[in-house]
Amino acid sequence: MVIKAKPFVKWVGGKSQLIRNIEEALPKNFNKREEITYIEPFVGGGAILFWIL
């Protein structure tokens, strides 16, 4: 059984609804590229962080 992490707080202006749009803007092989460092200085609820993980 795989448990997926989800944002830990509902956040006004959260990015959960924008994940598909953000995914379209990223390179197609984003999840397989090792030379990318993801930095999110204002994590908020962590929707994008957990989606990437």
Protein backbone atom coordinates (compact mmCIF):
# COMPACT_ATOMS: atom_id res chain seq x y z
CA MET A 1 0.00 0.00 0.00
CA VAL A 2 1.37 3.41 -1.02
CA ILE A 3 0.46 6.40 1.12
CA LYS A 4 0.69 9.74 -0.68
CA ALA A 5 1.55 12.88 1.25
CA LYS A 6 -0.89 15.75 0.85
CA PRO A 7 -0.70 19.42 1.80
CA PHE A 8 -0.88 19.69 5.56
CA VAL A 9 -2.97 22.87 5.65
CA LYS A 10 -5.55 24.50 3.38
CA TRP A 11 -3.90 27.67 2.19
CA VAL A 12 -5.57 30.69 0.62
CA GLY A 13 -3.87 31.04 -2.74
CA GLY A 14 -2.63 27.44 -2.54
CA LYS A 15 -1.27 25.77 -5.67
CA SER A 16 -3.19 22.50 -5.44
CA GLN A 17 -5.56 23.65 -8.17
CA LEU A 18 -2.62 24.71 -10.38
CA ILE A 19 -0.65 21.46 -10.33
CA ARG A 20 -1.73 20.43 -13.86
CA ASN A 21 -0.77 23.86 -15.25
CA ILE A 22 2.59 23.75 -13.48
CA GLU A 23 3.18 20.20 -14.76
CA GLU A 24 2.61 21.38 -18.34
CA ALA A 25 5.23 24.13 -17.90
CA LEU A 26 7.92 21.71 -16.67
CA PRO A 27 10.12 19.56 -18.94
CA LYS A 28 8.47 16.22 -19.81
CA ASN A 29 11.22 14.20 -18.12
CA PHE A 30 11.34 16.43 -15.01
CA ASN A 31 10.97 13.55 -12.54
CA LYS A 32 13.91 11.64 -14.09
CA ARG A 33 16.40 14.51 -14.23
CA GLU A 34 19.06 14.36 -11.52
CA GLU A 35 20.67 17.75 -12.21
CA ILE A 36 17.62 19.73 -11.04
CA THR A 37 17.44 21.20 -7.56
CA TYR A 38 13.95 22.20 -6.44
CA ILE A 39 13.82 25.18 -4.08
CA GLU A 40 10.58 26.63 -2.75
CA PRO A 41 11.33 29.41 -0.23
CA PHE A 42 7.66 29.91 0.67
CA VAL A 43 6.30 26.37 0.97
CA GLY A 44 2.87 27.36 2.29
CA GLY A 45 0.83 24.15 2.43
CA GLY A 46 3.45 22.24 0.46
CA ALA A 47 1.18 21.17 -2.44
CA ILE A 48 3.90 21.40 -5.10
CA LEU A 49 6.59 19.99 -2.83
CA PHE A 50 4.50 16.90 -2.05
CA TRP A 51 3.46 16.53 -5.69
CA ILE A 52 7.13 16.50 -6.76
CA LEU A 53 8.07 14.01 -4.06
